[in-house]
Amino acid sequence: MSYSVPQVPGEPEVDRPVAGSGGGWPLWEVFVRQRRGLSHVHAGSLHAPDAETALQNARDVYTRRVEGVSIWVVPSAAIHAADPDDVAAMFEPFADKPYRHPTFYQIPDEVGHM
């Protein structure tokens, strides 16, 4: 089944991607910060042609009840992750350096706020 988008007379011809055609818009990852002082948290993903549209769509989809104070959109292609099979090589060097752990240090009794 094909779907034809109606054109307004005089409107310039626009190349609109068809869902599932493989020529669609890039995928964007959305991060929302709920309140000041908190970290941005991954809220979901959406498709958009550019960053401006991605921000507008993210605002409409992920902050409908005015629960956010900041939104980030990042192209999914720009996110790089470590291979789960390389976890040992990535994190093992820190195991033999206990001074990098906060529990290594003794906090003086005079410091009451930690």
PDB file of N, CA and C in Angstrom:
ATOM      1  N   MET A   1       0.842  -1.168   0.000  1.00  0.00           N
ATOM      2  CA  MET A   1       0.000   0.000   0.000  1.00  0.00           C
ATOM      3  C   MET A   1       0.890   1.235   0.000  1.00  0.00           C
ATOM      4  N   SER A   2       0.610   2.148  -0.858  1.00  0.00           N
ATOM      5  CA  SER A   2       1.383   3.382  -0.890  1.00  0.00           C
ATOM      6  C   SER A   2       0.524   4.524  -0.368  1.00  0.00           C
ATOM      7  N   TYR A   3       1.196   5.507   0.131  1.00  0.00           N
ATOM      8  CA  TYR A   3       0.507   6.665   0.666  1.00  0.00           C
ATOM      9  C   TYR A   3       1.041   7.891  -0.037  1.00  0.00           C
ATOM     10  N   SER A   4       0.166   8.642  -0.609  1.00  0.00           N
ATOM     11  CA  SER A   4       0.557   9.839  -1.331  1.00  0.00           C
ATOM     12  C   SER A   4       0.222  11.060  -0.475  1.00  0.00           C
ATOM     13  N   VAL A   5       1.212  11.910  -0.234  1.00  0.00           N
ATOM     14  CA  VAL A   5       0.997  13.124   0.550  1.00  0.00           C
ATOM     15  C   VAL A   5       0.405  14.180  -0.366  1.00  0.00           C
ATOM     16  N   PRO A   6      -0.755  14.736   0.006  1.00  0.00           N
ATOM     17  CA  PRO A   6      -1.359  15.752  -0.863  1.00  0.00           C
ATOM     18  C   PRO A   6      -0.510  17.019  -0.918  1.00  0.00           C
ATOM     19  N   GLN A   7      -0.469  17.641  -2.074  1.00  0.00           N
ATOM     20  CA  GLN A   7       0.296  18.869  -2.283  1.00  0.00           C
ATOM     21  C   GLN A   7      -0.670  20.034  -2.461  1.00  0.00           C
ATOM     22  N   VAL A   8      -0.329  21.157  -1.859  1.00  0.00           N
ATOM     23  CA  VAL A   8      -1.104  22.380  -2.044  1.00  0.00           C
ATOM     24  C   VAL A   8      -0.692  22.971  -3.388  1.00  0.00           C
ATOM     25  N   PRO A   9      -1.658  23.436  -4.192  1.00  0.00           N
ATOM     26  CA  PRO A   9      -1.292  24.039  -5.481  1.00  0.00           C
ATOM     27  C   PRO A   9      -0.294  25.183  -5.274  1.00  0.00           C
ATOM     28  N   GLY A  10       0.771  25.175  -6.047  1.00  0.00           N
ATOM     29  CA  GLY A  10       1.804  26.195  -5.950  1.00  0.00           C
ATOM     30  C   GLY A  10       2.907  25.858  -4.958  1.00  0.00           C
ATOM     31  N   GLU A  11       2.723  24.809  -4.170  1.00  0.00           N
ATOM     32  CA  GLU A  11       3.742  24.409  -3.196  1.00  0.00           C
ATOM     33  C   GLU A  11       4.890  23.726  -3.931  1.00  0.00           C
ATOM     34  N   PRO A  12       6.144  24.067  -3.565  1.00  0.00           N
ATOM     35  CA  PRO A  12       7.268  23.405  -4.244  1.00  0.00           C
ATOM     36  C   PRO A  12       7.302  21.915  -3.916  1.00  0.00           C
ATOM     37  N   GLU A  13       7.800  21.156  -4.860  1.00  0.00           N
ATOM     38  CA  GLU A  13       7.907  19.701  -4.680  1.00  0.00           C
ATOM     39  C   GLU A  13       8.943  19.413  -3.598  1.00  0.00           C
ATOM     40  N   VAL A  14       8.556  18.651  -2.592  1.00  0.00           N
ATOM     41  CA  VAL A  14       9.444  18.318  -1.482  1.00  0.00           C
ATOM     42  C   VAL A  14       9.627  16.819  -1.449  1.00  0.00           C
ATOM     43  N   ASP A  15      10.872  16.400  -1.275  1.00  0.00           N
ATOM     44  CA  ASP A  15      11.163  14.969  -1.171  1.00  0.00           C
ATOM     45  C   ASP A  15      10.880  14.521   0.254  1.00  0.00           C
ATOM     46  N   ARG A  16       9.742  13.871   0.467  1.00  0.00           N
ATOM     47  CA  ARG A  16       9.363  13.402   1.794  1.00  0.00           C
ATOM     48  C   ARG A  16       9.670  11.917   1.904  1.00  0.00           C
ATOM     49  N   PRO A  17      10.366  11.521   2.958  1.00  0.00           N
ATOM     50  CA  PRO A  17      10.656  10.098   3.116  1.00  0.00           C
ATOM     51  C   PRO A  17       9.393   9.318   3.445  1.00  0.00           C
ATOM     52  N   VAL A  18       9.330   8.124   2.927  1.00  0.00           N
ATOM     53  CA  VAL A  18       8.212   7.232   3.210  1.00  0.00           C
ATOM     54  C   VAL A  18       8.640   6.286   4.315  1.00  0.00           C
ATOM     55  N   ALA A  19       7.790   6.102   5.313  1.00  0.00           N
ATOM     56  CA  ALA A  19       8.126   5.232   6.444  1.00  0.00           C
ATOM     57  C   ALA A  19       8.488   3.844   5.945  1.00  0.00           C
ATOM     58  N   GLY A  20       9.593   3.317   6.441  1.00  0.00           N
ATOM     59  CA  GLY A  20      10.019   1.975   6.074  1.00  0.00           C
ATOM     60  C   GLY A  20      10.766   1.901   4.758  1.00  0.00           C
ATOM     61  N   SER A  21      10.995   3.055   4.118  1.00  0.00           N
ATOM     62  CA  SER A  21      11.664   3.023   2.816  1.00  0.00           C
ATOM     63  C   SER A  21      13.180   2.989   2.934  1.00  0.00           C
ATOM     64  N   GLY A  22      13.718   3.221   4.131  1.00  0.00           N
ATOM     65  CA  GLY A  22      15.160   3.219   4.309  1.00  0.00           C
ATOM     66  C   GLY A  22      15.786   4.569   4.017  1.00  0.00           C
ATOM     67  N   GLY A  23      15.043   5.483   3.415  1.00  0.00           N
ATOM     68  CA  GLY A  23      15.570   6.807   3.122  1.00  0.00           C
ATOM     69  C   GLY A  23      15.034   7.839   4.079  1.00  0.00           C
ATOM     70  N   GLY A  24      14.711   7.423   5.290  1.00  0.00           N
ATOM     71  CA  GLY A  24      14.083   8.317   6.261  1.00  0.00           C
ATOM     72  C   GLY A  24      15.049   9.240   6.959  1.00  0.00           C
ATOM     73  N   TRP A  25      14.519   9.957   7.908  1.00  0.00           N
ATOM     74  CA  TRP A  25      15.291  10.916   8.683  1.00  0.00           C
ATOM     75  C   TRP A  25      16.190  10.201   9.673  1.00  0.00           C
ATOM     76  N   PRO A  26      17.278  10.856  10.080  1.00  0.00           N
ATOM     77  CA  PRO A  26      18.188  10.225  11.048  1.00  0.00           C
ATOM     78  C   PRO A  26      17.544  10.076  12.422  1.00  0.00           C
ATOM     79  N   LEU A  27      18.069   9.137  13.179  1.00  0.00           N
ATOM     80  CA  LEU A  27      17.584   8.870  14.528  1.00  0.00           C
ATOM     81  C   LEU A  27      18.325   9.765  15.508  1.00  0.00           C
ATOM     82  N   TRP A  28      17.591  10.361  16.451  1.00  0.00           N
ATOM     83  CA  TRP A  28      18.151  11.240  17.476  1.00  0.00           C
ATOM     84  C   TRP A  28      17.845  10.651  18.843  1.00  0.00           C
ATOM     85  N   GLU A  29      18.805  10.720  19.753  1.00  0.00           N
ATOM     86  CA  GLU A  29      18.603  10.292  21.136  1.00  0.00           C
ATOM     87  C   GLU A  29      18.265  11.530  21.957  1.00  0.00           C
ATOM     88  N   VAL A  30      17.279  11.396  22.835  1.00  0.00           N
ATOM     89  CA  VAL A  30      16.788  12.528  23.618  1.00  0.00           C
ATOM     90  C   VAL A  30      17.160  12.343  25.084  1.00  0.00           C
ATOM     91  N   PHE A  31      17.743  13.385  25.674  1.00  0.00           N
ATOM     92  CA  PHE A  31      18.099  13.392  27.090  1.00  0.00           C
ATOM     93  C   PHE A  31      17.384  14.570  27.746  1.00  0.00           C
ATOM     94  N   VAL A  32      16.717  14.313  28.875  1.00  0.00           N
ATOM     95  CA  VAL A  32      15.944  15.345  29.565  1.00  0.00           C
ATOM     96  C   VAL A  32      16.455  15.500  30.989  1.00  0.00           C
ATOM     97  N   ARG A  33      16.573  16.742  31.438  1.00  0.00           N
ATOM     98  CA  ARG A  33      16.915  17.016  32.839  1.00  0.00           C
ATOM     99  C   ARG A  33      15.633  17.461  33.532  1.00  0.00           C
ATOM    100  N   GLN A  34      15.220  16.731  34.558  1.00  0.00           N
ATOM    101  CA  GLN A  34      13.956  16.985  35.234  1.00  0.00           C
ATOM    102  C   GLN A  34      13.968  18.275  36.048  1.00  0.00           C
ATOM    103  N   ARG A  35      15.057  18.489  36.801  1.00  0.00           N
ATOM    104  CA  ARG A  35      15.175  19.675  37.655  1.00  0.00           C
ATOM    105  C   ARG A  35      16.616  20.151  37.633  1.00  0.00           C
ATOM    106  N   ARG A  36      16.810  21.387  37.993  1.00  0.00           N
ATOM    107  CA  ARG A  36      18.171  21.919  38.110  1.00  0.00           C
ATOM    108  C   ARG A  36      18.919  21.140  39.178  1.00  0.00           C
ATOM    109  N   GLY A  37      20.181  20.844  38.899  1.00  0.00           N
ATOM    110  CA  GLY A  37      20.990  20.085  39.844  1.00  0.00           C
ATOM    111  C   GLY A  37      21.007  18.597  39.572  1.00  0.00           C
ATOM    112  N   LEU A  38      20.090  18.100  38.750  1.00  0.00           N
ATOM    113  CA  LEU A  38      20.064  16.684  38.391  1.00  0.00           C
ATOM    114  C   LEU A  38      20.778  16.485  37.055  1.00  0.00           C
ATOM    115  N   SER A  39      21.104  15.241  36.772  1.00  0.00           N
ATOM    116  CA  SER A  39      21.746  14.899  35.502  1.00  0.00           C
ATOM    117  C   SER A  39      20.701  14.747  34.403  1.00  0.00           C
ATOM    118  N   HIS A  40      21.131  14.898  33.168  1.00  0.00           N
ATOM    119  CA  HIS A  40      20.261  14.574  32.044  1.00  0.00           C
ATOM    120  C   HIS A  40      20.115  13.053  31.995  1.00  0.00           C
ATOM    121  N   VAL A  41      18.919  12.585  31.698  1.00  0.00           N
ATOM    122  CA  VAL A  41      18.629  11.155  31.641  1.00  0.00           C
ATOM    123  C   VAL A  41      18.076  10.836  30.253  1.00  0.00           C
ATOM    124  N   HIS A  42      18.485   9.697  29.707  1.00  0.00           N
ATOM    125  CA  HIS A  42      17.986   9.292  28.389  1.00  0.00           C
ATOM    126  C   HIS A  42      16.484   9.067  28.475  1.00  0.00           C
ATOM    127  N   ALA A  43      15.734   9.793  27.658  1.00  0.00           N
ATOM    128  CA  ALA A  43      14.276   9.698  27.676  1.00  0.00           C
ATOM    129  C   ALA A  43      13.748   8.839  26.541  1.00  0.00           C
ATOM    130  N   GLY A  44      14.479   8.769  25.428  1.00  0.00           N
ATOM    131  CA  GLY A  44      14.013   7.977  24.300  1.00  0.00           C
ATOM    132  C   GLY A  44      14.676   8.420  23.011  1.00  0.00           C
ATOM    133  N   SER A  45      14.070   8.017  21.903  1.00  0.00           N
ATOM    134  CA  SER A  45      14.616   8.308  20.578  1.00  0.00           C
ATOM    135  C   SER A  45      13.512   8.830  19.679  1.00  0.00           C
ATOM    136  N   LEU A  46      13.902   9.557  18.652  1.00  0.00           N
ATOM    137  CA  LEU A  46      12.938  10.012  17.654  1.00  0.00           C
ATOM    138  C   LEU A  46      13.655  10.269  16.340  1.00  0.00           C
ATOM    139  N   HIS A  47      12.892  10.325  15.266  1.00  0.00           N
ATOM    140  CA  HIS A  47      13.429  10.627  13.939  1.00  0.00           C
ATOM    141  C   HIS A  47      13.097  12.080  13.615  1.00  0.00           C
ATOM    142  N   ALA A  48      14.070  12.803  13.070  1.00  0.00           N
ATOM    143  CA  ALA A  48      13.863  14.192  12.668  1.00  0.00           C
ATOM    144  C   ALA A  48      14.896  14.543  11.598  1.00  0.00           C
ATOM    145  N   PRO A  49      14.569  15.509  10.732  1.00  0.00           N
ATOM    146  CA  PRO A  49      15.507  15.864   9.663  1.00  0.00           C
ATOM    147  C   PRO A  49      16.712  16.666  10.141  1.00  0.00           C
ATOM    148  N   ASP A  50      16.558  17.425  11.244  1.00  0.00           N
ATOM    149  CA  ASP A  50      17.669  18.246  11.738  1.00  0.00           C
ATOM    150  C   ASP A  50      17.540  18.441  13.247  1.00  0.00           C
ATOM    151  N   ALA A  51      18.560  19.077  13.838  1.00  0.00           N
ATOM    152  CA  ALA A  51      18.607  19.247  15.297  1.00  0.00           C
ATOM    153  C   ALA A  51      17.475  20.130  15.805  1.00  0.00           C
ATOM    154  N   GLU A  52      17.158  21.188  15.076  1.00  0.00           N
ATOM    155  CA  GLU A  52      16.089  22.101  15.502  1.00  0.00           C
ATOM    156  C   GLU A  52      14.748  21.374  15.587  1.00  0.00           C
ATOM    157  N   THR A  53      14.425  20.606  14.562  1.00  0.00           N
ATOM    158  CA  THR A  53      13.175  19.848  14.561  1.00  0.00           C
ATOM    159  C   THR A  53      13.206  18.766  15.627  1.00  0.00           C
ATOM    160  N   ALA A  54      14.362  18.149  15.823  1.00  0.00           N
ATOM    161  CA  ALA A  54      14.489  17.122  16.865  1.00  0.00           C
ATOM    162  C   ALA A  54      14.210  17.718  18.238  1.00  0.00           C
ATOM    163  N   LEU A  55      14.718  18.929  18.507  1.00  0.00           N
ATOM    164  CA  LEU A  55      14.452  19.595  19.787  1.00  0.00           C
ATOM    165  C   LEU A  55      12.969  19.890  19.969  1.00  0.00           C
ATOM    166  N   GLN A  56      12.336  20.397  18.927  1.00  0.00           N
ATOM    167  CA  GLN A  56      10.906  20.707  19.017  1.00  0.00           C
ATOM    168  C   GLN A  56      10.088  19.442  19.249  1.00  0.00           C
ATOM    169  N   ASN A  57      10.404  18.389  18.504  1.00  0.00           N
ATOM    170  CA  ASN A  57       9.671  17.132  18.675  1.00  0.00           C
ATOM    171  C   ASN A  57       9.933  16.521  20.044  1.00  0.00           C
ATOM    172  N   ALA A  58      11.173  16.606  20.521  1.00  0.00           N
ATOM    173  CA  ALA A  58      11.504  16.069  21.843  1.00  0.00           C
ATOM    174  C   ALA A  58      10.729  16.808  22.923  1.00  0.00           C
ATOM    175  N   ARG A  59      10.636  18.114  22.786  1.00  0.00           N
ATOM    176  CA  ARG A  59       9.861  18.898  23.754  1.00  0.00           C
ATOM    177  C   ARG A  59       8.396  18.453  23.760  1.00  0.00           C
ATOM    178  N   ASP A  60       7.829  18.266  22.579  1.00  0.00           N
ATOM    179  CA  ASP A  60       6.425  17.873  22.481  1.00  0.00           C
ATOM    180  C   ASP A  60       6.175  16.462  22.995  1.00  0.00           C
ATOM    181  N   VAL A  61       7.115  15.558  22.743  1.00  0.00           N
ATOM    182  CA  VAL A  61       6.903  14.153  23.096  1.00  0.00           C
ATOM    183  C   VAL A  61       7.312  13.837  24.529  1.00  0.00           C
ATOM    184  N   TYR A  62       8.456  14.354  24.972  1.00  0.00           N
ATOM    185  CA  TYR A  62       9.020  13.915  26.251  1.00  0.00           C
ATOM    186  C   TYR A  62       8.829  14.884  27.409  1.00  0.00           C
ATOM    187  N   THR A  63       8.282  16.070  27.169  1.00  0.00           N
ATOM    188  CA  THR A  63       8.026  16.996  28.281  1.00  0.00           C
ATOM    189  C   THR A  63       6.611  17.559  28.181  1.00  0.00           C
ATOM    190  N   ARG A  64       5.657  16.712  27.950  1.00  0.00           N
ATOM    191  CA  ARG A  64       4.274  17.153  27.788  1.00  0.00           C
ATOM    192  C   ARG A  64       3.698  17.781  29.050  1.00  0.00           C
ATOM    193  N   ARG A  65       4.117  17.284  30.208  1.00  0.00           N
ATOM    194  CA  ARG A  65       3.549  17.769  31.465  1.00  0.00           C
ATOM    195  C   ARG A  65       4.491  18.750  32.157  1.00  0.00           C
ATOM    196  N   VAL A  66       5.301  19.442  31.389  1.00  0.00           N
ATOM    197  CA  VAL A  66       6.228  20.459  31.881  1.00  0.00           C
ATOM    198  C   VAL A  66       7.125  19.898  32.976  1.00  0.00           C
ATOM    199  N   GLU A  67       7.651  18.692  32.762  1.00  0.00           N
ATOM    200  CA  GLU A  67       8.492  18.080  33.784  1.00  0.00           C
ATOM    201  C   GLU A  67       9.981  18.248  33.521  1.00  0.00           C
ATOM    202  N   GLY A  68      10.371  18.986  32.516  1.00  0.00           N
ATOM    203  CA  GLY A  68      11.791  19.126  32.234  1.00  0.00           C
ATOM    204  C   GLY A  68      12.240  20.578  32.243  1.00  0.00           C
ATOM    205  N   VAL A  69      13.528  20.790  32.512  1.00  0.00           N
ATOM    206  CA  VAL A  69      14.096  22.139  32.458  1.00  0.00           C
ATOM    207  C   VAL A  69      15.159  22.253  31.369  1.00  0.00           C
ATOM    208  N   SER A  70      15.577  21.110  30.803  1.00  0.00           N
ATOM    209  CA  SER A  70      16.600  21.125  29.760  1.00  0.00           C
ATOM    210  C   SER A  70      16.467  19.867  28.905  1.00  0.00           C
ATOM    211  N   ILE A  71      16.679  20.031  27.603  1.00  0.00           N
ATOM    212  CA  ILE A  71      16.606  18.898  26.669  1.00  0.00           C
ATOM    213  C   ILE A  71      17.868  18.906  25.814  1.00  0.00           C
ATOM    214  N   TRP A  72      18.449  17.732  25.644  1.00  0.00           N
ATOM    215  CA  TRP A  72      19.554  17.541  24.707  1.00  0.00           C
ATOM    216  C   TRP A  72      19.081  16.564  23.644  1.00  0.00           C
ATOM    217  N   VAL A  73      19.436  16.806  22.383  1.00  0.00           N
ATOM    218  CA  VAL A  73      19.233  15.824  21.318  1.00  0.00           C
ATOM    219  C   VAL A  73      20.590  15.568  20.671  1.00  0.00           C
ATOM    220  N   VAL A  74      20.893  14.299  20.468  1.00  0.00           N
ATOM    221  CA  VAL A  74      22.187  13.890  19.925  1.00  0.00           C
ATOM    222  C   VAL A  74      21.937  12.888  18.803  1.00  0.00           C
ATOM    223  N   PRO A  75      22.572  13.065  17.638  1.00  0.00           N
ATOM    224  CA  PRO A  75      22.398  12.059  16.589  1.00  0.00           C
ATOM    225  C   PRO A  75      22.891  10.696  17.093  1.00  0.00           C
ATOM    226  N   SER A  76      22.093   9.679  16.890  1.00  0.00           N
ATOM    227  CA  SER A  76      22.469   8.337  17.350  1.00  0.00           C
ATOM    228  C   SER A  76      23.795   7.900  16.756  1.00  0.00           C
ATOM    229  N   ALA A  77      24.070   8.327  15.540  1.00  0.00           N
ATOM    230  CA  ALA A  77      25.322   7.941  14.884  1.00  0.00           C
ATOM    231  C   ALA A  77      26.541   8.547  15.579  1.00  0.00           C
ATOM    232  N   ALA A  78      26.349   9.591  16.388  1.00  0.00           N
ATOM    233  CA  ALA A  78      27.468  10.248  17.072  1.00  0.00           C
ATOM    234  C   ALA A  78      27.781   9.613  18.422  1.00  0.00           C
ATOM    235  N   ILE A  79      26.993   8.644  18.843  1.00  0.00           N
ATOM    236  CA  ILE A  79      27.221   7.996  20.134  1.00  0.00           C
ATOM    237  C   ILE A  79      28.042   6.736  19.912  1.00  0.00           C
ATOM    238  N   HIS A  80      29.139   6.643  20.634  1.00  0.00           N
ATOM    239  CA  HIS A  80      30.017   5.480  20.538  1.00  0.00           C
ATOM    240  C   HIS A  80      30.080   4.825  21.907  1.00  0.00           C
ATOM    241  N   ALA A  81      29.969   3.522  21.943  1.00  0.00           N
ATOM    242  CA  ALA A  81      29.968   2.790  23.210  1.00  0.00           C
ATOM    243  C   ALA A  81      31.086   1.759  23.219  1.00  0.00           C
ATOM    244  N   ALA A  82      31.520   1.428  24.421  1.00  0.00           N
ATOM    245  CA  ALA A  82      32.536   0.389  24.580  1.00  0.00           C
ATOM    246  C   ALA A  82      31.908  -0.972  24.304  1.00  0.00           C
ATOM    247  N   ASP A  83      32.706  -1.875  23.802  1.00  0.00           N
ATOM    248  CA  ASP A  83      32.254  -3.236  23.543  1.00  0.00           C
ATOM    249  C   ASP A  83      32.114  -3.970  24.878  1.00  0.00           C
ATOM    250  N   PRO A  84      30.962  -4.583  25.150  1.00  0.00           N
ATOM    251  CA  PRO A  84      30.786  -5.299  26.418  1.00  0.00           C
ATOM    252  C   PRO A  84      31.822  -6.397  26.644  1.00  0.00           C
ATOM    253  N   ASP A  85      32.392  -6.937  25.576  1.00  0.00           N
ATOM    254  CA  ASP A  85      33.414  -7.974  25.727  1.00  0.00           C
ATOM    255  C   ASP A  85      34.745  -7.397  26.213  1.00  0.00           C
ATOM    256  N   ASP A  86      34.926  -6.083  26.090  1.00  0.00           N
ATOM    257  CA  ASP A  86      36.170  -5.440  26.506  1.00  0.00           C
ATOM    258  C   ASP A  86      36.076  -4.797  27.885  1.00  0.00           C
ATOM    259  N   VAL A  87      35.085  -5.170  28.669  1.00  0.00           N
ATOM    260  CA  VAL A  87      34.892  -4.559  29.985  1.00  0.00           C
ATOM    261  C   VAL A  87      36.116  -4.753  30.864  1.00  0.00           C
ATOM    262  N   ALA A  88      36.689  -5.935  30.856  1.00  0.00           N
ATOM    263  CA  ALA A  88      37.851  -6.204  31.703  1.00  0.00           C
ATOM    264  C   ALA A  88      39.011  -5.285  31.335  1.00  0.00           C
ATOM    265  N   ALA A  89      39.300  -5.147  30.067  1.00  0.00           N
ATOM    266  CA  ALA A  89      40.412  -4.305  29.641  1.00  0.00           C
ATOM    267  C   ALA A  89      40.148  -2.829  29.931  1.00  0.00           C
ATOM    268  N   MET A  90      38.878  -2.446  29.915  1.00  0.00           N
ATOM    269  CA  MET A  90      38.556  -1.039  30.119  1.00  0.00           C
ATOM    270  C   MET A  90      38.588  -0.641  31.595  1.00  0.00           C
ATOM    271  N   PHE A  91      38.088  -1.514  32.486  1.00  0.00           N
ATOM    272  CA  PHE A  91      37.928  -1.128  33.883  1.00  0.00           C
ATOM    273  C   PHE A  91      38.885  -1.815  34.854  1.00  0.00           C
ATOM    274  N   GLU A  92      39.560  -2.854  34.422  1.00  0.00           N
ATOM    275  CA  GLU A  92      40.451  -3.584  35.317  1.00  0.00           C
ATOM    276  C   GLU A  92      41.654  -2.765  35.787  1.00  0.00           C
ATOM    277  N   PRO A  93      42.226  -1.877  34.985  1.00  0.00           N
ATOM    278  CA  PRO A  93      43.388  -1.119  35.473  1.00  0.00           C
ATOM    279  C   PRO A  93      43.110  -0.312  36.742  1.00  0.00           C
ATOM    280  N   PHE A  94      41.857   0.004  37.026  1.00  0.00           N
ATOM    281  CA  PHE A  94      41.534   0.792  38.211  1.00  0.00           C
ATOM    282  C   PHE A  94      41.497  -0.056  39.476  1.00  0.00           C
ATOM    283  N   ALA A  95      41.380  -1.362  39.343  1.00  0.00           N
ATOM    284  CA  ALA A  95      41.279  -2.236  40.511  1.00  0.00           C
ATOM    285  C   ALA A  95      42.559  -2.218  41.337  1.00  0.00           C
ATOM    286  N   ASP A  96      43.705  -2.052  40.696  1.00  0.00           N
ATOM    287  CA  ASP A  96      44.966  -2.058  41.443  1.00  0.00           C
ATOM    288  C   ASP A  96      45.394  -0.654  41.887  1.00  0.00           C
ATOM    289  N   LYS A  97      44.478   0.306  41.825  1.00  0.00           N
ATOM    290  CA  LYS A  97      44.768   1.674  42.266  1.00  0.00           C
ATOM    291  C   LYS A  97      43.724   2.092  43.299  1.00  0.00           C
ATOM    292  N   PRO A  98      43.840   1.589  44.531  1.00  0.00           N
ATOM    293  CA  PRO A  98      42.804   1.873  45.533  1.00  0.00           C
ATOM    294  C   PRO A  98      42.698   3.349  45.888  1.00  0.00           C
ATOM    295  N   TYR A  99      43.743   4.120  45.649  1.00  0.00           N
ATOM    296  CA  TYR A  99      43.690   5.543  45.977  1.00  0.00           C
ATOM    297  C   TYR A  99      42.683   6.297  45.108  1.00  0.00           C
ATOM    298  N   ARG A 100      42.183   5.653  44.063  1.00  0.00           N
ATOM    299  CA  ARG A 100      41.166   6.292  43.228  1.00  0.00           C
ATOM    300  C   ARG A 100      39.758   6.104  43.786  1.00  0.00           C
ATOM    301  N   HIS A 101      39.619   5.278  44.798  1.00  0.00           N
ATOM    302  CA  HIS A 101      38.313   5.060  45.421  1.00  0.00           C
ATOM    303  C   HIS A 101      38.161   5.995  46.612  1.00  0.00           C
ATOM    304  N   PRO A 102      36.995   6.595  46.801  1.00  0.00           N
ATOM    305  CA  PRO A 102      36.817   7.527  47.913  1.00  0.00           C
ATOM    306  C   PRO A 102      36.993   6.872  49.278  1.00  0.00           C
ATOM    307  N   THR A 103      36.765   5.575  49.389  1.00  0.00           N
ATOM    308  CA  THR A 103      36.891   4.905  50.688  1.00  0.00           C
ATOM    309  C   THR A 103      38.346   4.730  51.109  1.00  0.00           C
ATOM    310  N   PHE A 104      39.287   5.028  50.229  1.00  0.00           N
ATOM    311  CA  PHE A 104      40.705   4.899  50.548  1.00  0.00           C
ATOM    312  C   PHE A 104      41.144   5.962  51.557  1.00  0.00           C
ATOM    313  N   TYR A 105      40.489   7.103  51.530  1.00  0.00           N
ATOM    314  CA  TYR A 105      40.909   8.233  52.355  1.00  0.00           C
ATOM    315  C   TYR A 105      40.110   8.301  53.651  1.00  0.00           C
ATOM    316  N   GLN A 106      40.795   8.661  54.722  1.00  0.00           N
ATOM    317  CA  GLN A 106      40.156   8.871  56.017  1.00  0.00           C
ATOM    318  C   GLN A 106      39.726  10.338  56.103  1.00  0.00           C
ATOM    319  N   ILE A 107      38.476  10.561  56.441  1.00  0.00           N
ATOM    320  CA  ILE A 107      37.969  11.922  56.569  1.00  0.00           C
ATOM    321  C   ILE A 107      38.093  12.346  58.029  1.00  0.00           C
ATOM    322  N   PRO A 108      38.695  13.489  58.306  1.00  0.00           N
ATOM    323  CA  PRO A 108      38.825  13.950  59.692  1.00  0.00           C
ATOM    324  C   PRO A 108      37.454  14.187  60.327  1.00  0.00           C
ATOM    325  N   ASP A 109      37.383  14.001  61.625  1.00  0.00           N
ATOM    326  CA  ASP A 109      36.117  14.193  62.342  1.00  0.00           C
ATOM    327  C   ASP A 109      35.632  15.636  62.257  1.00  0.00           C
ATOM    328  N   GLU A 110      36.555  16.589  62.073  1.00  0.00           N
ATOM    329  CA  GLU A 110      36.169  17.999  61.992  1.00  0.00           C
ATOM    330  C   GLU A 110      35.328  18.291  60.748  1.00  0.00           C
ATOM    331  N   VAL A 111      35.454  17.438  59.750  1.00  0.00           N
ATOM    332  CA  VAL A 111      34.680  17.616  58.522  1.00  0.00           C
ATOM    333  C   VAL A 111      33.365  16.872  58.715  1.00  0.00           C
ATOM    334  N   GLY A 112      32.339  17.599  59.054  1.00  0.00           N
ATOM    335  CA  GLY A 112      31.064  16.952  59.366  1.00  0.00           C
ATOM    336  C   GLY A 112      30.095  16.864  58.207  1.00  0.00           C
ATOM    337  N   HIS A 113      30.384  17.520  57.113  1.00  0.00           N
ATOM    338  CA  HIS A 113      29.421  17.550  56.010  1.00  0.00           C
ATOM    339  C   HIS A 113      29.677  16.495  54.941  1.00  0.00           C
ATOM    340  N   MET A 114      30.574  15.550  55.166  1.00  0.00           N
ATOM    341  CA  MET A 114      30.824  14.521  54.156  1.00  0.00           C
ATOM    342  C   MET A 114      30.364  13.174  54.634  1.00  0.00           C
TER     343      MET A 114
END
